[in-house]
Amino acid sequence: MLKQLVDYMREEEFRLTLFENRVHALNYDDVLSLEDHLIRIKVKNRTIFIRGTNLAVQKLLDQEILIVGTIEGIEMK
């Protein structure tokens, strides 16, 4: 059990979790833009586009971001 907890805390892979009216991103590289209708996040050689209305950052830590608002779509290019 302890090993699983340590592995979880050390995880370095990008993770995106979608909740109702929230998106949580972990282990991203950079926030490219913050607008109330579009937030772009860089992950390795890809970009995550989070589209919606009234988007705002509720929590911003080193490699962790929580975005709130009406989520209309998420796209990776």
PDB file of N, CA and C in Angstrom:
ATOM      1  N   MET A   1       0.820  -1.197   0.000  1.00  0.00           N
ATOM      2  CA  MET A   1       0.000   0.000   0.000  1.00  0.00           C
ATOM      3  C   MET A   1       0.863   1.259   0.000  1.00  0.00           C
ATOM      4  N   LEU A   2       1.914   1.248   0.808  1.00  0.00           N
ATOM      5  CA  LEU A   2       2.807   2.406   0.872  1.00  0.00           C
ATOM      6  C   LEU A   2       3.490   2.638  -0.466  1.00  0.00           C
ATOM      7  N   LYS A   3       3.892   1.566  -1.148  1.00  0.00           N
ATOM      8  CA  LYS A   3       4.534   1.700  -2.454  1.00  0.00           C
ATOM      9  C   LYS A   3       3.581   2.357  -3.456  1.00  0.00           C
ATOM     10  N   GLN A   4       2.315   1.984  -3.441  1.00  0.00           N
ATOM     11  CA  GLN A   4       1.331   2.574  -4.347  1.00  0.00           C
ATOM     12  C   GLN A   4       1.173   4.067  -4.075  1.00  0.00           C
ATOM     13  N   LEU A   5       1.166   4.450  -2.819  1.00  0.00           N
ATOM     14  CA  LEU A   5       1.048   5.853  -2.451  1.00  0.00           C
ATOM     15  C   LEU A   5       2.266   6.646  -2.927  1.00  0.00           C
ATOM     16  N   VAL A   6       3.458   6.102  -2.729  1.00  0.00           N
ATOM     17  CA  VAL A   6       4.681   6.768  -3.177  1.00  0.00           C
ATOM     18  C   VAL A   6       4.694   6.877  -4.700  1.00  0.00           C
ATOM     19  N   ASP A   7       4.314   5.814  -5.404  1.00  0.00           N
ATOM     20  CA  ASP A   7       4.253   5.850  -6.871  1.00  0.00           C
ATOM     21  C   ASP A   7       3.275   6.910  -7.350  1.00  0.00           C
ATOM     22  N   TYR A   8       2.121   7.033  -6.678  1.00  0.00           N
ATOM     23  CA  TYR A   8       1.125   8.034  -7.050  1.00  0.00           C
ATOM     24  C   TYR A   8       1.679   9.441  -6.854  1.00  0.00           C
ATOM     25  N   MET A   9       2.369   9.677  -5.766  1.00  0.00           N
ATOM     26  CA  MET A   9       2.883  11.012  -5.474  1.00  0.00           C
ATOM     27  C   MET A   9       4.044  11.388  -6.391  1.00  0.00           C
ATOM     28  N   ARG A  10       4.770  10.430  -6.903  1.00  0.00           N
ATOM     29  CA  ARG A  10       5.906  10.678  -7.790  1.00  0.00           C
ATOM     30  C   ARG A  10       5.520  10.707  -9.261  1.00  0.00           C
ATOM     31  N   GLU A  11       4.295  10.419  -9.570  1.00  0.00           N
ATOM     32  CA  GLU A  11       3.881  10.308 -10.962  1.00  0.00           C
ATOM     33  C   GLU A  11       4.201  11.587 -11.732  1.00  0.00           C
ATOM     34  N   GLU A  12       4.846  11.411 -12.873  1.00  0.00           N
ATOM     35  CA  GLU A  12       5.266  12.548 -13.678  1.00  0.00           C
ATOM     36  C   GLU A  12       4.551  12.607 -15.020  1.00  0.00           C
ATOM     37  N   GLU A  13       3.644  11.680 -15.272  1.00  0.00           N
ATOM     38  CA  GLU A  13       2.908  11.664 -16.517  1.00  0.00           C
ATOM     39  C   GLU A  13       1.816  12.732 -16.504  1.00  0.00           C
ATOM     40  N   PHE A  14       1.551  13.313 -17.672  1.00  0.00           N
ATOM     41  CA  PHE A  14       0.476  14.292 -17.782  1.00  0.00           C
ATOM     42  C   PHE A  14      -0.855  13.606 -17.491  1.00  0.00           C
ATOM     43  N   ARG A  15      -1.691  14.298 -16.730  1.00  0.00           N
ATOM     44  CA  ARG A  15      -3.020  13.772 -16.420  1.00  0.00           C
ATOM     45  C   ARG A  15      -4.027  14.910 -16.513  1.00  0.00           C
ATOM     46  N   LEU A  16      -5.126  14.657 -17.205  1.00  0.00           N
ATOM     47  CA  LEU A  16      -6.211  15.622 -17.334  1.00  0.00           C
ATOM     48  C   LEU A  16      -7.474  14.957 -16.812  1.00  0.00           C
ATOM     49  N   THR A  17      -8.103  15.582 -15.829  1.00  0.00           N
ATOM     50  CA  THR A  17      -9.320  15.034 -15.234  1.00  0.00           C
ATOM     51  C   THR A  17     -10.444  16.041 -15.444  1.00  0.00           C
ATOM     52  N   LEU A  18     -11.532  15.562 -16.007  1.00  0.00           N
ATOM     53  CA  LEU A  18     -12.680  16.413 -16.308  1.00  0.00           C
ATOM     54  C   LEU A  18     -13.793  16.134 -15.307  1.00  0.00           C
ATOM     55  N   PHE A  19     -14.242  17.187 -14.649  1.00  0.00           N
ATOM     56  CA  PHE A  19     -15.375  17.137 -13.742  1.00  0.00           C
ATOM     57  C   PHE A  19     -16.460  18.031 -14.339  1.00  0.00           C
ATOM     58  N   GLU A  20     -17.625  18.029 -13.748  1.00  0.00           N
ATOM     59  CA  GLU A  20     -18.652  18.951 -14.215  1.00  0.00           C
ATOM     60  C   GLU A  20     -18.216  20.372 -13.861  1.00  0.00           C
ATOM     61  N   ASN A  21     -18.032  21.199 -14.871  1.00  0.00           N
ATOM     62  CA  ASN A  21     -17.634  22.600 -14.732  1.00  0.00           C
ATOM     63  C   ASN A  21     -16.236  22.807 -14.145  1.00  0.00           C
ATOM     64  N   ARG A  22     -15.366  21.785 -14.227  1.00  0.00           N
ATOM     65  CA  ARG A  22     -13.979  21.920 -13.772  1.00  0.00           C
ATOM     66  C   ARG A  22     -13.083  21.007 -14.596  1.00  0.00           C
ATOM     67  N   VAL A  23     -11.856  21.453 -14.803  1.00  0.00           N
ATOM     68  CA  VAL A  23     -10.828  20.628 -15.434  1.00  0.00           C
ATOM     69  C   VAL A  23      -9.576  20.738 -14.583  1.00  0.00           C
ATOM     70  N   HIS A  24      -9.008  19.600 -14.245  1.00  0.00           N
ATOM     71  CA  HIS A  24      -7.780  19.561 -13.452  1.00  0.00           C
ATOM     72  C   HIS A  24      -6.674  18.979 -14.332  1.00  0.00           C
ATOM     73  N   ALA A  25      -5.575  19.707 -14.483  1.00  0.00           N
ATOM     74  CA  ALA A  25      -4.431  19.238 -15.266  1.00  0.00           C
ATOM     75  C   ALA A  25      -3.224  19.132 -14.345  1.00  0.00           C
ATOM     76  N   LEU A  26      -2.492  18.037 -14.495  1.00  0.00           N
ATOM     77  CA  LEU A  26      -1.338  17.757 -13.656  1.00  0.00           C
ATOM     78  C   LEU A  26      -0.154  17.387 -14.544  1.00  0.00           C
ATOM     79  N   ASN A  27       1.005  17.896 -14.214  1.00  0.00           N
ATOM     80  CA  ASN A  27       2.255  17.614 -14.924  1.00  0.00           C
ATOM     81  C   ASN A  27       2.264  18.145 -16.361  1.00  0.00           C
ATOM     82  N   TYR A  28       1.784  19.345 -16.552  1.00  0.00           N
ATOM     83  CA  TYR A  28       1.862  20.006 -17.848  1.00  0.00           C
ATOM     84  C   TYR A  28       3.172  20.795 -17.905  1.00  0.00           C
ATOM     85  N   ASP A  29       3.538  21.275 -19.093  1.00  0.00           N
ATOM     86  CA  ASP A  29       4.786  22.013 -19.257  1.00  0.00           C
ATOM     87  C   ASP A  29       4.622  23.523 -19.094  1.00  0.00           C
ATOM     88  N   ASP A  30       3.541  24.081 -19.672  1.00  0.00           N
ATOM     89  CA  ASP A  30       3.387  25.536 -19.658  1.00  0.00           C
ATOM     90  C   ASP A  30       1.942  25.912 -19.942  1.00  0.00           C
ATOM     91  N   VAL A  31       1.513  27.043 -19.421  1.00  0.00           N
ATOM     92  CA  VAL A  31       0.217  27.623 -19.777  1.00  0.00           C
ATOM     93  C   VAL A  31       0.506  28.645 -20.867  1.00  0.00           C
ATOM     94  N   LEU A  32      -0.031  28.411 -22.062  1.00  0.00           N
ATOM     95  CA  LEU A  32       0.245  29.272 -23.208  1.00  0.00           C
ATOM     96  C   LEU A  32      -0.670  30.484 -23.269  1.00  0.00           C
ATOM     97  N   SER A  33      -1.931  30.321 -22.876  1.00  0.00           N
ATOM     98  CA  SER A  33      -2.850  31.467 -22.873  1.00  0.00           C
ATOM     99  C   SER A  33      -3.976  31.230 -21.882  1.00  0.00           C
ATOM    100  N   LEU A  34      -4.450  32.335 -21.324  1.00  0.00           N
ATOM    101  CA  LEU A  34      -5.566  32.309 -20.381  1.00  0.00           C
ATOM    102  C   LEU A  34      -6.577  33.352 -20.824  1.00  0.00           C
ATOM    103  N   GLU A  35      -7.684  32.906 -21.353  1.00  0.00           N
ATOM    104  CA  GLU A  35      -8.772  33.803 -21.746  1.00  0.00           C
ATOM    105  C   GLU A  35     -10.056  33.239 -21.156  1.00  0.00           C
ATOM    106  N   ASP A  36     -11.097  34.048 -21.107  1.00  0.00           N
ATOM    107  CA  ASP A  36     -12.340  33.565 -20.491  1.00  0.00           C
ATOM    108  C   ASP A  36     -13.083  32.558 -21.352  1.00  0.00           C
ATOM    109  N   HIS A  37     -12.652  32.366 -22.611  1.00  0.00           N
ATOM    110  CA  HIS A  37     -13.297  31.399 -23.501  1.00  0.00           C
ATOM    111  C   HIS A  37     -12.336  30.316 -24.007  1.00  0.00           C
ATOM    112  N   LEU A  38     -11.024  30.479 -23.754  1.00  0.00           N
ATOM    113  CA  LEU A  38     -10.038  29.515 -24.235  1.00  0.00           C
ATOM    114  C   LEU A  38      -8.799  29.525 -23.338  1.00  0.00           C
ATOM    115  N   ILE A  39      -8.396  28.340 -22.917  1.00  0.00           N
ATOM    116  CA  ILE A  39      -7.145  28.182 -22.173  1.00  0.00           C
ATOM    117  C   ILE A  39      -6.317  27.142 -22.920  1.00  0.00           C
ATOM    118  N   ARG A  40      -5.063  27.494 -23.203  1.00  0.00           N
ATOM    119  CA  ARG A  40      -4.164  26.586 -23.920  1.00  0.00           C
ATOM    120  C   ARG A  40      -3.037  26.159 -22.979  1.00  0.00           C
ATOM    121  N   ILE A  41      -2.801  24.854 -22.934  1.00  0.00           N
ATOM    122  CA  ILE A  41      -1.769  24.278 -22.069  1.00  0.00           C
ATOM    123  C   ILE A  41      -0.822  23.451 -22.934  1.00  0.00           C
ATOM    124  N   LYS A  42       0.472  23.642 -22.747  1.00  0.00           N
ATOM    125  CA  LYS A  42       1.478  22.883 -23.490  1.00  0.00           C
ATOM    126  C   LYS A  42       1.861  21.634 -22.704  1.00  0.00           C
ATOM    127  N   VAL A  43       1.874  20.501 -23.411  1.00  0.00           N
ATOM    128  CA  VAL A  43       2.288  19.220 -22.839  1.00  0.00           C
ATOM    129  C   VAL A  43       3.202  18.551 -23.849  1.00  0.00           C
ATOM    130  N   LYS A  44       4.491  18.493 -23.530  1.00  0.00           N
ATOM    131  CA  LYS A  44       5.505  17.955 -24.443  1.00  0.00           C
ATOM    132  C   LYS A  44       5.381  18.652 -25.789  1.00  0.00           C
ATOM    133  N   ASN A  45       5.140  17.940 -26.863  1.00  0.00           N
ATOM    134  CA  ASN A  45       5.050  18.574 -28.183  1.00  0.00           C
ATOM    135  C   ASN A  45       3.605  18.767 -28.633  1.00  0.00           C
ATOM    136  N   ARG A  46       2.669  18.781 -27.692  1.00  0.00           N
ATOM    137  CA  ARG A  46       1.248  18.944 -28.012  1.00  0.00           C
ATOM    138  C   ARG A  46       0.667  20.124 -27.250  1.00  0.00           C
ATOM    139  N   THR A  47      -0.497  20.572 -27.713  1.00  0.00           N
ATOM    140  CA  THR A  47      -1.213  21.650 -27.043  1.00  0.00           C
ATOM    141  C   THR A  47      -2.619  21.176 -26.720  1.00  0.00           C
ATOM    142  N   ILE A  48      -3.057  21.435 -25.493  1.00  0.00           N
ATOM    143  CA  ILE A  48      -4.414  21.124 -25.047  1.00  0.00           C
ATOM    144  C   ILE A  48      -5.220  22.417 -25.130  1.00  0.00           C
ATOM    145  N   PHE A  49      -6.345  22.386 -25.825  1.00  0.00           N
ATOM    146  CA  PHE A  49      -7.252  23.527 -25.951  1.00  0.00           C
ATOM    147  C   PHE A  49      -8.489  23.247 -25.108  1.00  0.00           C
ATOM    148  N   ILE A  50      -8.731  24.083 -24.124  1.00  0.00           N
ATOM    149  CA  ILE A  50      -9.923  23.965 -23.286  1.00  0.00           C
ATOM    150  C   ILE A  50     -10.816  25.143 -23.637  1.00  0.00           C
ATOM    151  N   ARG A  51     -11.976  24.840 -24.218  1.00  0.00           N
ATOM    152  CA  ARG A  51     -12.895  25.882 -24.678  1.00  0.00           C
ATOM    153  C   ARG A  51     -14.140  25.895 -23.791  1.00  0.00           C
ATOM    154  N   GLY A  52     -14.676  27.098 -23.597  1.00  0.00           N
ATOM    155  CA  GLY A  52     -15.883  27.221 -22.799  1.00  0.00           C
ATOM    156  C   GLY A  52     -16.248  28.669 -22.571  1.00  0.00           C
ATOM    157  N   THR A  53     -17.047  28.911 -21.555  1.00  0.00           N
ATOM    158  CA  THR A  53     -17.429  30.273 -21.189  1.00  0.00           C
ATOM    159  C   THR A  53     -17.139  30.481 -19.707  1.00  0.00           C
ATOM    160  N   ASN A  54     -16.801  31.703 -19.389  1.00  0.00           N
ATOM    161  CA  ASN A  54     -16.474  32.081 -18.008  1.00  0.00           C
ATOM    162  C   ASN A  54     -15.371  31.210 -17.411  1.00  0.00           C
ATOM    163  N   LEU A  55     -14.380  30.862 -18.222  1.00  0.00           N
ATOM    164  CA  LEU A  55     -13.268  30.046 -17.737  1.00  0.00           C
ATOM    165  C   LEU A  55     -12.361  30.900 -16.859  1.00  0.00           C
ATOM    166  N   ALA A  56     -11.920  30.320 -15.762  1.00  0.00           N
ATOM    167  CA  ALA A  56     -11.026  31.008 -14.833  1.00  0.00           C
ATOM    168  C   ALA A  56     -10.147  29.975 -14.145  1.00  0.00           C
ATOM    169  N   VAL A  57      -8.972  30.406 -13.752  1.00  0.00           N
ATOM    170  CA  VAL A  57      -8.062  29.532 -13.013  1.00  0.00           C
ATOM    171  C   VAL A  57      -8.389  29.676 -11.530  1.00  0.00           C
ATOM    172  N   GLN A  58      -8.740  28.577 -10.913  1.00  0.00           N
ATOM    173  CA  GLN A  58      -9.051  28.598  -9.488  1.00  0.00           C
ATOM    174  C   GLN A  58      -7.830  28.227  -8.653  1.00  0.00           C
ATOM    175  N   LYS A  59      -6.955  27.425  -9.240  1.00  0.00           N
ATOM    176  CA  LYS A  59      -5.767  26.982  -8.525  1.00  0.00           C
ATOM    177  C   LYS A  59      -4.636  26.844  -9.525  1.00  0.00           C
ATOM    178  N   LEU A  60      -3.486  27.427  -9.220  1.00  0.00           N
ATOM    179  CA  LEU A  60      -2.330  27.343 -10.101  1.00  0.00           C
ATOM    180  C   LEU A  60      -1.100  27.084  -9.253  1.00  0.00           C
ATOM    181  N   LEU A  61      -0.577  25.879  -9.358  1.00  0.00           N
ATOM    182  CA  LEU A  61       0.625  25.489  -8.651  1.00  0.00           C
ATOM    183  C   LEU A  61       1.653  25.026  -9.679  1.00  0.00           C
ATOM    184  N   ASP A  62       2.816  24.683  -9.216  1.00  0.00           N
ATOM    185  CA  ASP A  62       3.844  24.179 -10.111  1.00  0.00           C
ATOM    186  C   ASP A  62       3.361  22.888 -10.761  1.00  0.00           C
ATOM    187  N   GLN A  63       3.116  22.911 -12.047  1.00  0.00           N
ATOM    188  CA  GLN A  63       2.658  21.782 -12.862  1.00  0.00           C
ATOM    189  C   GLN A  63       1.266  21.274 -12.490  1.00  0.00           C
ATOM    190  N   GLU A  64       0.462  22.121 -11.867  1.00  0.00           N
ATOM    191  CA  GLU A  64      -0.906  21.740 -11.535  1.00  0.00           C
ATOM    192  C   GLU A  64      -1.819  22.952 -11.703  1.00  0.00           C
ATOM    193  N   ILE A  65      -2.945  22.756 -12.397  1.00  0.00           N
ATOM    194  CA  ILE A  65      -3.876  23.852 -12.628  1.00  0.00           C
ATOM    195  C   ILE A  65      -5.309  23.319 -12.518  1.00  0.00           C
ATOM    196  N   LEU A  66      -6.176  24.117 -11.927  1.00  0.00           N
ATOM    197  CA  LEU A  66      -7.597  23.799 -11.838  1.00  0.00           C
ATOM    198  C   LEU A  66      -8.356  24.922 -12.521  1.00  0.00           C
ATOM    199  N   ILE A  67      -9.092  24.573 -13.557  1.00  0.00           N
ATOM    200  CA  ILE A  67      -9.841  25.534 -14.362  1.00  0.00           C
ATOM    201  C   ILE A  67     -11.324  25.325 -14.082  1.00  0.00           C
ATOM    202  N   VAL A  68     -12.029  26.407 -13.830  1.00  0.00           N
ATOM    203  CA  VAL A  68     -13.469  26.330 -13.572  1.00  0.00           C
ATOM    204  C   VAL A  68     -14.208  27.155 -14.624  1.00  0.00           C
ATOM    205  N   GLY A  69     -15.472  26.827 -14.837  1.00  0.00           N
ATOM    206  CA  GLY A  69     -16.307  27.522 -15.799  1.00  0.00           C
ATOM    207  C   GLY A  69     -17.173  26.504 -16.528  1.00  0.00           C
ATOM    208  N   THR A  70     -17.844  26.972 -17.556  1.00  0.00           N
ATOM    209  CA  THR A  70     -18.668  26.076 -18.375  1.00  0.00           C
ATOM    210  C   THR A  70     -17.778  25.493 -19.455  1.00  0.00           C
ATOM    211  N   ILE A  71     -17.442  24.227 -19.332  1.00  0.00           N
ATOM    212  CA  ILE A  71     -16.550  23.552 -20.279  1.00  0.00           C
ATOM    213  C   ILE A  71     -17.379  23.100 -21.479  1.00  0.00           C
ATOM    214  N   GLU A  72     -16.986  23.569 -22.665  1.00  0.00           N
ATOM    215  CA  GLU A  72     -17.707  23.197 -23.895  1.00  0.00           C
ATOM    216  C   GLU A  72     -16.953  22.179 -24.735  1.00  0.00           C
ATOM    217  N   GLY A  73     -15.633  22.111 -24.557  1.00  0.00           N
ATOM    218  CA  GLY A  73     -14.869  21.138 -25.323  1.00  0.00           C
ATOM    219  C   GLY A  73     -13.404  21.155 -24.954  1.00  0.00           C
ATOM    220  N   ILE A  74     -12.759  20.008 -25.161  1.00  0.00           N
ATOM    221  CA  ILE A  74     -11.328  19.865 -24.933  1.00  0.00           C
ATOM    222  C   ILE A  74     -10.753  19.180 -26.160  1.00  0.00           C
ATOM    223  N   GLU A  75      -9.650  19.715 -26.653  1.00  0.00           N
ATOM    224  CA  GLU A  75      -9.026  19.191 -27.867  1.00  0.00           C
ATOM    225  C   GLU A  75      -7.509  19.152 -27.667  1.00  0.00           C
ATOM    226  N   MET A  76      -6.885  18.132 -28.244  1.00  0.00           N
ATOM    227  CA  MET A  76      -5.433  18.011 -28.187  1.00  0.00           C
ATOM    228  C   MET A  76      -4.894  18.000 -29.610  1.00  0.00           C
ATOM    229  N   LYS A  77      -3.927  18.878 -29.859  1.00  0.00           N
ATOM    230  CA  LYS A  77      -3.287  18.927 -31.192  1.00  0.00           C
ATOM    231  C   LYS A  77      -1.797  18.833 -31.037  1.00  0.00           C
TER     232      LYS A  77
END
